[in-house]
PDB file of N, CA and C in Angstrom:
ATOM      1  N   UNK A   1       5.056 -44.655 -85.747  1.00  0.00           N
ATOM      2  CA  UNK A   1       6.138 -45.494 -85.962  1.00  0.00           C
ATOM      3  C   UNK A   1       6.671 -45.960 -84.511  1.00  0.00           C
ATOM      4  N   UNK A   2       7.068 -47.324 -84.647  1.00  0.00           N
ATOM      5  CA  UNK A   2       7.709 -47.864 -83.448  1.00  0.00           C
ATOM      6  C   UNK A   2       9.265 -48.178 -83.858  1.00  0.00           C
ATOM      7  N   UNK A   3       9.967 -47.624 -82.898  1.00  0.00           N
ATOM      8  CA  UNK A   3      11.502 -47.753 -83.284  1.00  0.00           C
ATOM      9  C   UNK A   3      12.058 -48.392 -81.769  1.00  0.00           C
ATOM     10  N   UNK A   4      12.935 -49.545 -82.040  1.00  0.00           N
ATOM     11  CA  UNK A   4      13.691 -49.987 -80.849  1.00  0.00           C
ATOM     12  C   UNK A   4      15.085 -50.063 -81.195  1.00  0.00           C
ATOM     13  N   UNK A   5      15.804 -49.497 -80.156  1.00  0.00           N
ATOM     14  CA  UNK A   5      17.241 -49.322 -80.209  1.00  0.00           C
ATOM     15  C   UNK A   5      17.984 -50.568 -79.635  1.00  0.00           C
ATOM     16  N   UNK A   6      18.911 -51.208 -80.495  1.00  0.00           N
ATOM     17  CA  UNK A   6      19.564 -52.214 -79.805  1.00  0.00           C
ATOM     18  C   UNK A   6      21.095 -52.062 -79.649  1.00  0.00           C
ATOM     19  N   UNK A   7      21.777 -52.321 -78.624  1.00  0.00           N
ATOM     20  CA  UNK A   7      23.220 -51.854 -78.312  1.00  0.00           C
ATOM     21  C   UNK A   7      23.876 -53.013 -77.692  1.00  0.00           C
ATOM     22  N   UNK A   8      25.054 -53.304 -78.127  1.00  0.00           N
ATOM     23  CA  UNK A   8      25.879 -54.242 -77.448  1.00  0.00           C
ATOM     24  C   UNK A   8      27.216 -53.390 -76.714  1.00  0.00           C
ATOM     25  N   UNK A   9      27.383 -53.866 -75.410  1.00  0.00           N
ATOM     26  CA  UNK A   9      28.255 -53.083 -74.570  1.00  0.00           C
ATOM     27  C   UNK A   9      29.297 -54.076 -73.986  1.00  0.00           C
ATOM     28  N   UNK A  10      30.581 -53.550 -73.996  1.00  0.00           N
ATOM     29  CA  UNK A  10      31.731 -54.195 -73.453  1.00  0.00           C
ATOM     30  C   UNK A  10      32.501 -53.124 -72.815  1.00  0.00           C
ATOM     31  N   UNK A  11      32.891 -53.304 -71.381  1.00  0.00           N
ATOM     32  CA  UNK A  11      33.648 -52.392 -70.651  1.00  0.00           C
ATOM     33  C   UNK A  11      33.165 -50.976 -70.724  1.00  0.00           C
ATOM     34  N   UNK A  12      31.910 -50.934 -70.639  1.00  0.00           N
ATOM     35  CA  UNK A  12      31.226 -49.577 -70.727  1.00  0.00           C
ATOM     36  C   UNK A  12      31.309 -48.768 -71.976  1.00  0.00           C
ATOM     37  N   UNK A  13      31.720 -49.586 -72.923  1.00  0.00           N
ATOM     38  CA  UNK A  13      31.666 -48.830 -74.418  1.00  0.00           C
ATOM     39  C   UNK A  13      30.769 -49.609 -75.354  1.00  0.00           C
ATOM     40  N   UNK A  14      30.113 -48.846 -76.074  1.00  0.00           N
ATOM     41  CA  UNK A  14      29.081 -49.335 -77.100  1.00  0.00           C
ATOM     42  C   UNK A  14      30.073 -50.015 -78.284  1.00  0.00           C
ATOM     43  N   UNK A  15      29.771 -51.207 -78.553  1.00  0.00           N
ATOM     44  CA  UNK A  15      30.459 -51.892 -79.671  1.00  0.00           C
ATOM     45  C   UNK A  15      29.841 -51.833 -80.872  1.00  0.00           C
ATOM     46  N   UNK A  16      28.585 -51.941 -80.962  1.00  0.00           N
ATOM     47  CA  UNK A  16      27.804 -51.778 -82.135  1.00  0.00           C
ATOM     48  C   UNK A  16      26.218 -51.333 -81.722  1.00  0.00           C
ATOM     49  N   UNK A  17      25.477 -50.825 -82.610  1.00  0.00           N
ATOM     50  CA  UNK A  17      24.162 -50.512 -82.373  1.00  0.00           C
ATOM     51  C   UNK A  17      23.226 -50.607 -83.724  1.00  0.00           C
ATOM     52  N   UNK A  18      22.203 -50.684 -83.474  1.00  0.00           N
ATOM     53  CA  UNK A  18      21.173 -50.660 -84.595  1.00  0.00           C
ATOM     54  C   UNK A  18      19.771 -50.318 -84.278  1.00  0.00           C
ATOM     55  N   UNK A  19      19.053 -49.669 -85.191  1.00  0.00           N
ATOM     56  CA  UNK A  19      17.504 -49.171 -84.761  1.00  0.00           C
ATOM     57  C   UNK A  19      16.752 -50.034 -85.656  1.00  0.00           C
ATOM     58  N   UNK A  20      15.810 -50.443 -85.163  1.00  0.00           N
ATOM     59  CA  UNK A  20      14.698 -51.231 -85.855  1.00  0.00           C
ATOM     60  C   UNK A  20      13.406 -50.727 -85.827  1.00  0.00           C
ATOM     61  N   UNK A  21      12.809 -50.232 -87.100  1.00  0.00           N
ATOM     62  CA  UNK A  21      11.661 -49.513 -87.242  1.00  0.00           C
ATOM     63  C   UNK A  21      10.503 -50.365 -87.691  1.00  0.00           C
ATOM     64  N   UNK A  22       9.184 -50.264 -87.181  1.00  0.00           N
ATOM     65  CA  UNK A  22       8.074 -50.914 -87.492  1.00  0.00           C
ATOM     66  C   UNK A  22       6.870 -50.179 -87.472  1.00  0.00           C
ATOM     67  N   UNK A  23       6.326 -50.148 -88.610  1.00  0.00           N
ATOM     68  CA  UNK A  23       4.892 -49.360 -88.763  1.00  0.00           C
ATOM     69  C   UNK A  23       3.792 -50.381 -89.097  1.00  0.00           C
ATOM     70  N   UNK A  24       4.034 -51.435 -88.643  1.00  0.00           N
ATOM     71  CA  UNK A  24       2.849 -52.413 -88.883  1.00  0.00           C
ATOM     72  C   UNK A  24       1.741 -52.130 -87.723  1.00  0.00           C
ATOM     73  N   UNK A  25       0.459 -52.899 -88.073  1.00  0.00           N
ATOM     74  CA  UNK A  25      -0.366 -52.675 -87.029  1.00  0.00           C
ATOM     75  C   UNK A  25      -0.523 -53.838 -85.913  1.00  0.00           C
ATOM     76  N   UNK A  26       0.757 -54.528 -85.701  1.00  0.00           N
ATOM     77  CA  UNK A  26       0.773 -55.425 -84.717  1.00  0.00           C
ATOM     78  C   UNK A  26       0.642 -54.805 -83.260  1.00  0.00           C
ATOM     79  N   UNK A  27       0.403 -55.587 -82.295  1.00  0.00           N
ATOM     80  CA  UNK A  27       0.412 -55.137 -80.893  1.00  0.00           C
ATOM     81  C   UNK A  27       1.889 -54.606 -80.580  1.00  0.00           C
ATOM     82  N   UNK A  28       1.935 -53.899 -79.591  1.00  0.00           N
ATOM     83  CA  UNK A  28       3.193 -53.357 -78.860  1.00  0.00           C
ATOM     84  C   UNK A  28       4.171 -54.648 -78.689  1.00  0.00           C
ATOM     85  N   UNK A  29       3.544 -55.627 -77.948  1.00  0.00           N
ATOM     86  CA  UNK A  29       4.317 -56.877 -77.657  1.00  0.00           C
ATOM     87  C   UNK A  29       4.825 -57.390 -78.806  1.00  0.00           C
ATOM     88  N   UNK A  30       4.093 -57.594 -79.894  1.00  0.00           N
ATOM     89  CA  UNK A  30       4.557 -58.331 -81.197  1.00  0.00           C
ATOM     90  C   UNK A  30       5.585 -57.575 -81.725  1.00  0.00           C
ATOM     91  N   UNK A  31       5.445 -56.030 -81.697  1.00  0.00           N
ATOM     92  CA  UNK A  31       6.489 -55.266 -82.298  1.00  0.00           C
ATOM     93  C   UNK A  31       7.874 -55.338 -81.700  1.00  0.00           C
ATOM     94  N   UNK A  32       7.863 -55.415 -80.224  1.00  0.00           N
ATOM     95  CA  UNK A  32       8.874 -55.626 -79.419  1.00  0.00           C
ATOM     96  C   UNK A  32       9.712 -56.906 -79.793  1.00  0.00           C
ATOM     97  N   UNK A  33       9.031 -58.079 -79.742  1.00  0.00           N
ATOM     98  CA  UNK A  33       9.700 -59.475 -80.030  1.00  0.00           C
ATOM     99  C   UNK A  33      10.292 -59.397 -81.365  1.00  0.00           C
ATOM    100  N   UNK A  34       9.466 -58.829 -82.525  1.00  0.00           N
ATOM    101  CA  UNK A  34       9.995 -58.954 -83.750  1.00  0.00           C
ATOM    102  C   UNK A  34      11.115 -58.025 -83.885  1.00  0.00           C
ATOM    103  N   UNK A  35      11.070 -56.873 -83.236  1.00  0.00           N
ATOM    104  CA  UNK A  35      12.444 -56.014 -83.460  1.00  0.00           C
ATOM    105  C   UNK A  35      13.570 -56.557 -82.794  1.00  0.00           C
ATOM    106  N   UNK A  36      13.336 -57.391 -81.472  1.00  0.00           N
ATOM    107  CA  UNK A  36      14.355 -57.973 -80.854  1.00  0.00           C
ATOM    108  C   UNK A  36      15.021 -59.255 -81.778  1.00  0.00           C
ATOM    109  N   UNK A  37      14.020 -59.710 -82.233  1.00  0.00           N
ATOM    110  CA  UNK A  37      14.418 -60.784 -83.277  1.00  0.00           C
ATOM    111  C   UNK A  37      15.405 -60.273 -84.383  1.00  0.00           C
ATOM    112  N   UNK A  38      15.014 -59.221 -85.018  1.00  0.00           N
ATOM    113  CA  UNK A  38      15.727 -58.536 -86.018  1.00  0.00           C
ATOM    114  C   UNK A  38      17.166 -58.170 -85.475  1.00  0.00           C
ATOM    115  N   UNK A  39      17.212 -57.645 -84.286  1.00  0.00           N
ATOM    116  CA  UNK A  39      18.544 -57.184 -83.752  1.00  0.00           C
ATOM    117  C   UNK A  39      19.362 -58.377 -83.407  1.00  0.00           C
ATOM    118  N   UNK A  40      18.946 -59.488 -83.008  1.00  0.00           N
ATOM    119  CA  UNK A  40      19.531 -60.750 -82.710  1.00  0.00           C
ATOM    120  C   UNK A  40      20.032 -61.261 -84.249  1.00  0.00           C
ATOM    121  N   UNK A  41      19.269 -61.128 -85.097  1.00  0.00           N
ATOM    122  CA  UNK A  41      19.574 -61.675 -86.383  1.00  0.00           C
ATOM    123  C   UNK A  41      20.824 -60.953 -86.888  1.00  0.00           C
ATOM    124  N   UNK A  42      20.503 -59.427 -86.877  1.00  0.00           N
ATOM    125  CA  UNK A  42      21.785 -58.615 -87.385  1.00  0.00           C
ATOM    126  C   UNK A  42      22.980 -58.884 -86.794  1.00  0.00           C
ATOM    127  N   UNK A  43      22.872 -58.982 -85.358  1.00  0.00           N
ATOM    128  CA  UNK A  43      24.208 -59.166 -84.574  1.00  0.00           C
ATOM    129  C   UNK A  43      24.655 -60.704 -84.527  1.00  0.00           C
ATOM    130  N   UNK A  44      23.853 -61.410 -85.099  1.00  0.00           N
ATOM    131  CA  UNK A  44      24.265 -62.981 -85.098  1.00  0.00           C
ATOM    132  C   UNK A  44      24.296 -63.569 -83.659  1.00  0.00           C
ATOM    133  N   UNK A  45      23.184 -63.348 -83.044  1.00  0.00           N
ATOM    134  CA  UNK A  45      22.969 -63.662 -81.574  1.00  0.00           C
ATOM    135  C   UNK A  45      21.853 -64.686 -81.503  1.00  0.00           C
ATOM    136  N   UNK A  46      21.877 -65.532 -80.430  1.00  0.00           N
ATOM    137  CA  UNK A  46      20.730 -66.452 -80.220  1.00  0.00           C
ATOM    138  C   UNK A  46      19.681 -65.676 -79.358  1.00  0.00           C
ATOM    139  N   UNK A  47      18.458 -65.809 -79.510  1.00  0.00           N
ATOM    140  CA  UNK A  47      17.418 -64.892 -78.738  1.00  0.00           C
ATOM    141  C   UNK A  47      17.639 -65.162 -77.244  1.00  0.00           C
ATOM    142  N   UNK A  48      17.627 -63.995 -76.563  1.00  0.00           N
ATOM    143  CA  UNK A  48      17.641 -64.013 -75.123  1.00  0.00           C
ATOM    144  C   UNK A  48      16.500 -64.426 -74.426  1.00  0.00           C
ATOM    145  N   UNK A  49      16.667 -64.899 -73.236  1.00  0.00           N
ATOM    146  CA  UNK A  49      15.561 -65.467 -72.391  1.00  0.00           C
ATOM    147  C   UNK A  49      15.168 -64.163 -71.605  1.00  0.00           C
ATOM    148  N   UNK A  50      13.873 -63.937 -71.387  1.00  0.00           N
ATOM    149  CA  UNK A  50      13.074 -62.848 -70.689  1.00  0.00           C
ATOM    150  C   UNK A  50      13.011 -63.408 -69.244  1.00  0.00           C
ATOM    151  N   UNK A  51      13.944 -63.087 -68.174  1.00  0.00           N
ATOM    152  CA  UNK A  51      13.491 -63.386 -66.876  1.00  0.00           C
ATOM    153  C   UNK A  51      12.415 -62.459 -66.226  1.00  0.00           C
ATOM    154  N   UNK A  52      11.859 -62.791 -65.102  1.00  0.00           N
ATOM    155  CA  UNK A  52      10.975 -61.748 -64.560  1.00  0.00           C
ATOM    156  C   UNK A  52      11.492 -60.373 -64.160  1.00  0.00           C
ATOM    157  N   UNK A  53      12.836 -60.431 -63.909  1.00  0.00           N
ATOM    158  CA  UNK A  53      13.576 -59.056 -63.610  1.00  0.00           C
ATOM    159  C   UNK A  53      13.647 -58.288 -64.849  1.00  0.00           C
ATOM    160  N   UNK A  54      13.856 -58.845 -65.767  1.00  0.00           N
ATOM    161  CA  UNK A  54      13.983 -58.275 -67.180  1.00  0.00           C
ATOM    162  C   UNK A  54      12.755 -57.763 -67.746  1.00  0.00           C
ATOM    163  N   UNK A  55      11.608 -58.401 -67.459  1.00  0.00           N
ATOM    164  CA  UNK A  55      10.287 -57.887 -68.059  1.00  0.00           C
ATOM    165  C   UNK A  55      10.003 -56.728 -67.020  1.00  0.00           C
ATOM    166  N   UNK A  56      10.094 -56.761 -65.749  1.00  0.00           N
ATOM    167  CA  UNK A  56      10.031 -55.699 -64.919  1.00  0.00           C
ATOM    168  C   UNK A  56      10.608 -54.461 -65.287  1.00  0.00           C
ATOM    169  N   UNK A  57      11.919 -54.608 -65.516  1.00  0.00           N
ATOM    170  CA  UNK A  57      12.849 -53.522 -65.817  1.00  0.00           C
ATOM    171  C   UNK A  57      12.289 -52.875 -67.286  1.00  0.00           C
ATOM    172  N   UNK A  58      11.926 -53.641 -68.064  1.00  0.00           N
ATOM    173  CA  UNK A  58      11.406 -53.114 -69.386  1.00  0.00           C
ATOM    174  C   UNK A  58      10.012 -52.443 -69.111  1.00  0.00           C
ATOM    175  N   UNK A  59       9.344 -52.960 -68.264  1.00  0.00           N
ATOM    176  CA  UNK A  59       7.834 -52.348 -68.043  1.00  0.00           C
ATOM    177  C   UNK A  59       7.941 -50.773 -67.405  1.00  0.00           C
ATOM    178  N   UNK A  60       8.999 -50.993 -66.509  1.00  0.00           N
ATOM    179  CA  UNK A  60       9.266 -49.500 -65.866  1.00  0.00           C
ATOM    180  C   UNK A  60       9.837 -48.568 -66.649  1.00  0.00           C
ATOM    181  N   UNK A  61      10.711 -48.983 -67.509  1.00  0.00           N
ATOM    182  CA  UNK A  61      11.855 -47.941 -68.241  1.00  0.00           C
ATOM    183  C   UNK A  61      11.736 -47.963 -69.629  1.00  0.00           C
ATOM    184  N   UNK A  62      10.975 -48.987 -70.284  1.00  0.00           N
ATOM    185  CA  UNK A  62      10.968 -49.200 -71.697  1.00  0.00           C
ATOM    186  C   UNK A  62      12.478 -49.365 -72.238  1.00  0.00           C
ATOM    187  N   UNK A  63      13.206 -50.007 -71.291  1.00  0.00           N
ATOM    188  CA  UNK A  63      14.580 -50.367 -71.457  1.00  0.00           C
ATOM    189  C   UNK A  63      14.798 -51.832 -70.798  1.00  0.00           C
ATOM    190  N   UNK A  64      15.773 -52.601 -71.373  1.00  0.00           N
ATOM    191  CA  UNK A  64      16.191 -53.774 -70.864  1.00  0.00           C
ATOM    192  C   UNK A  64      17.610 -54.174 -71.147  1.00  0.00           C
ATOM    193  N   UNK A  65      18.136 -54.928 -70.306  1.00  0.00           N
ATOM    194  CA  UNK A  65      19.596 -55.394 -70.418  1.00  0.00           C
ATOM    195  C   UNK A  65      19.433 -56.770 -70.489  1.00  0.00           C
ATOM    196  N   UNK A  66      20.214 -57.630 -71.292  1.00  0.00           N
ATOM    197  CA  UNK A  66      20.368 -58.813 -71.444  1.00  0.00           C
ATOM    198  C   UNK A  66      21.677 -59.320 -71.285  1.00  0.00           C
ATOM    199  N   UNK A  67      21.989 -59.932 -69.967  1.00  0.00           N
ATOM    200  CA  UNK A  67      23.443 -60.468 -69.734  1.00  0.00           C
ATOM    201  C   UNK A  67      23.537 -61.703 -70.154  1.00  0.00           C
ATOM    202  N   UNK A  68      24.982 -62.176 -69.886  1.00  0.00           N
ATOM    203  CA  UNK A  68      25.290 -63.647 -70.045  1.00  0.00           C
ATOM    204  C   UNK A  68      24.114 -64.732 -69.612  1.00  0.00           C
ATOM    205  N   UNK A  69      23.592 -64.419 -68.440  1.00  0.00           N
ATOM    206  CA  UNK A  69      22.561 -65.366 -67.921  1.00  0.00           C
ATOM    207  C   UNK A  69      21.302 -65.566 -68.842  1.00  0.00           C
ATOM    208  N   UNK A  70      21.139 -64.560 -69.571  1.00  0.00           N
ATOM    209  CA  UNK A  70      19.837 -64.500 -70.473  1.00  0.00           C
ATOM    210  C   UNK A  70      20.017 -65.317 -71.724  1.00  0.00           C
ATOM    211  N   UNK A  71      21.392 -65.608 -72.168  1.00  0.00           N
ATOM    212  CA  UNK A  71      21.593 -66.283 -73.376  1.00  0.00           C
ATOM    213  C   UNK A  71      22.193 -67.684 -73.203  1.00  0.00           C
ATOM    214  N   UNK A  72      21.551 -68.524 -73.967  1.00  0.00           N
ATOM    215  CA  UNK A  72      22.034 -69.930 -73.975  1.00  0.00           C
ATOM    216  C   UNK A  72      23.497 -70.006 -74.458  1.00  0.00           C
ATOM    217  N   UNK A  73      23.867 -69.411 -75.591  1.00  0.00           N
ATOM    218  CA  UNK A  73      25.195 -69.390 -76.089  1.00  0.00           C
ATOM    219  C   UNK A  73      26.092 -68.387 -75.232  1.00  0.00           C
ATOM    220  N   UNK A  74      27.436 -68.679 -75.265  1.00  0.00           N
ATOM    221  CA  UNK A  74      28.391 -67.684 -74.886  1.00  0.00           C
ATOM    222  C   UNK A  74      28.315 -66.455 -75.447  1.00  0.00           C
ATOM    223  N   UNK A  75      28.508 -65.343 -74.949  1.00  0.00           N
ATOM    224  CA  UNK A  75      28.534 -64.044 -75.646  1.00  0.00           C
ATOM    225  C   UNK A  75      29.988 -63.259 -75.352  1.00  0.00           C
ATOM    226  N   UNK A  76      30.376 -62.427 -76.391  1.00  0.00           N
ATOM    227  CA  UNK A  76      31.659 -61.820 -76.163  1.00  0.00           C
ATOM    228  C   UNK A  76      31.638 -60.416 -76.008  1.00  0.00           C
ATOM    229  N   UNK A  77      30.609 -60.084 -75.267  1.00  0.00           N
ATOM    230  CA  UNK A  77      30.368 -58.641 -74.748  1.00  0.00           C
ATOM    231  C   UNK A  77      29.624 -58.778 -73.351  1.00  0.00           C
ATOM    232  N   UNK A  78      29.437 -57.491 -72.727  1.00  0.00           N
ATOM    233  CA  UNK A  78      28.999 -57.610 -71.310  1.00  0.00           C
ATOM    234  C   UNK A  78      27.559 -57.774 -71.247  1.00  0.00           C
ATOM    235  N   UNK A  79      26.703 -57.056 -72.127  1.00  0.00           N
ATOM    236  CA  UNK A  79      25.471 -57.082 -72.187  1.00  0.00           C
ATOM    237  C   UNK A  79      24.749 -56.331 -73.590  1.00  0.00           C
ATOM    238  N   UNK A  80      23.555 -56.988 -73.833  1.00  0.00           N
ATOM    239  CA  UNK A  80      22.868 -56.374 -74.974  1.00  0.00           C
ATOM    240  C   UNK A  80      21.714 -55.517 -74.282  1.00  0.00           C
ATOM    241  N   UNK A  81      21.503 -54.281 -74.764  1.00  0.00           N
ATOM    242  CA  UNK A  81      20.649 -53.423 -74.162  1.00  0.00           C
ATOM    243  C   UNK A  81      19.552 -52.919 -75.290  1.00  0.00           C
ATOM    244  N   UNK A  82      18.215 -52.998 -75.017  1.00  0.00           N
ATOM    245  CA  UNK A  82      17.201 -52.536 -76.061  1.00  0.00           C
ATOM    246  C   UNK A  82      16.467 -51.406 -75.153  1.00  0.00           C
ATOM    247  N   UNK A  83      16.033 -50.484 -75.974  1.00  0.00           N
ATOM    248  CA  UNK A  83      15.395 -49.272 -75.692  1.00  0.00           C
ATOM    249  C   UNK A  83      14.348 -48.879 -76.588  1.00  0.00           C
ATOM    250  N   UNK A  84      13.185 -48.596 -76.232  1.00  0.00           N
ATOM    251  CA  UNK A  84      12.135 -48.212 -77.024  1.00  0.00           C
ATOM    252  C   UNK A  84      12.252 -46.644 -77.291  1.00  0.00           C
ATOM    253  N   UNK A  85      12.606 -46.136 -78.481  1.00  0.00           N
ATOM    254  CA  UNK A  85      12.982 -44.837 -78.497  1.00  0.00           C
ATOM    255  C   UNK A  85      11.767 -44.065 -79.127  1.00  0.00           C
ATOM    256  N   UNK A  86      10.637 -44.652 -79.826  1.00  0.00           N
ATOM    257  CA  UNK A  86       9.730 -44.004 -80.353  1.00  0.00           C
ATOM    258  C   UNK A  86       8.616 -44.931 -80.392  1.00  0.00           C
ATOM    259  N   UNK A  87       7.212 -44.480 -80.111  1.00  0.00           N
ATOM    260  CA  UNK A  87       6.008 -45.423 -80.204  1.00  0.00           C
ATOM    261  C   UNK A  87       4.970 -44.629 -81.025  1.00  0.00           C
TER     262      UNK A  87
END
């Protein structure tokens, strides 16, 4: 089972979080993008842009943070963090 944890932070406090589970036979990359889409839908956010630094951080730590620069729309929190918690 693949699980991705999505969290919104403002002033170093978690505002809300959710865990997306996926037991499909998709590739890891498809599971990550699908889970991120589900998190953005649940939090009513536009999809963030993956910069090279974001991709590199995710490759190293299975965790990535999306700041205002990653979003086209304005956000009312400091960052969105995603973290793979189970594969």
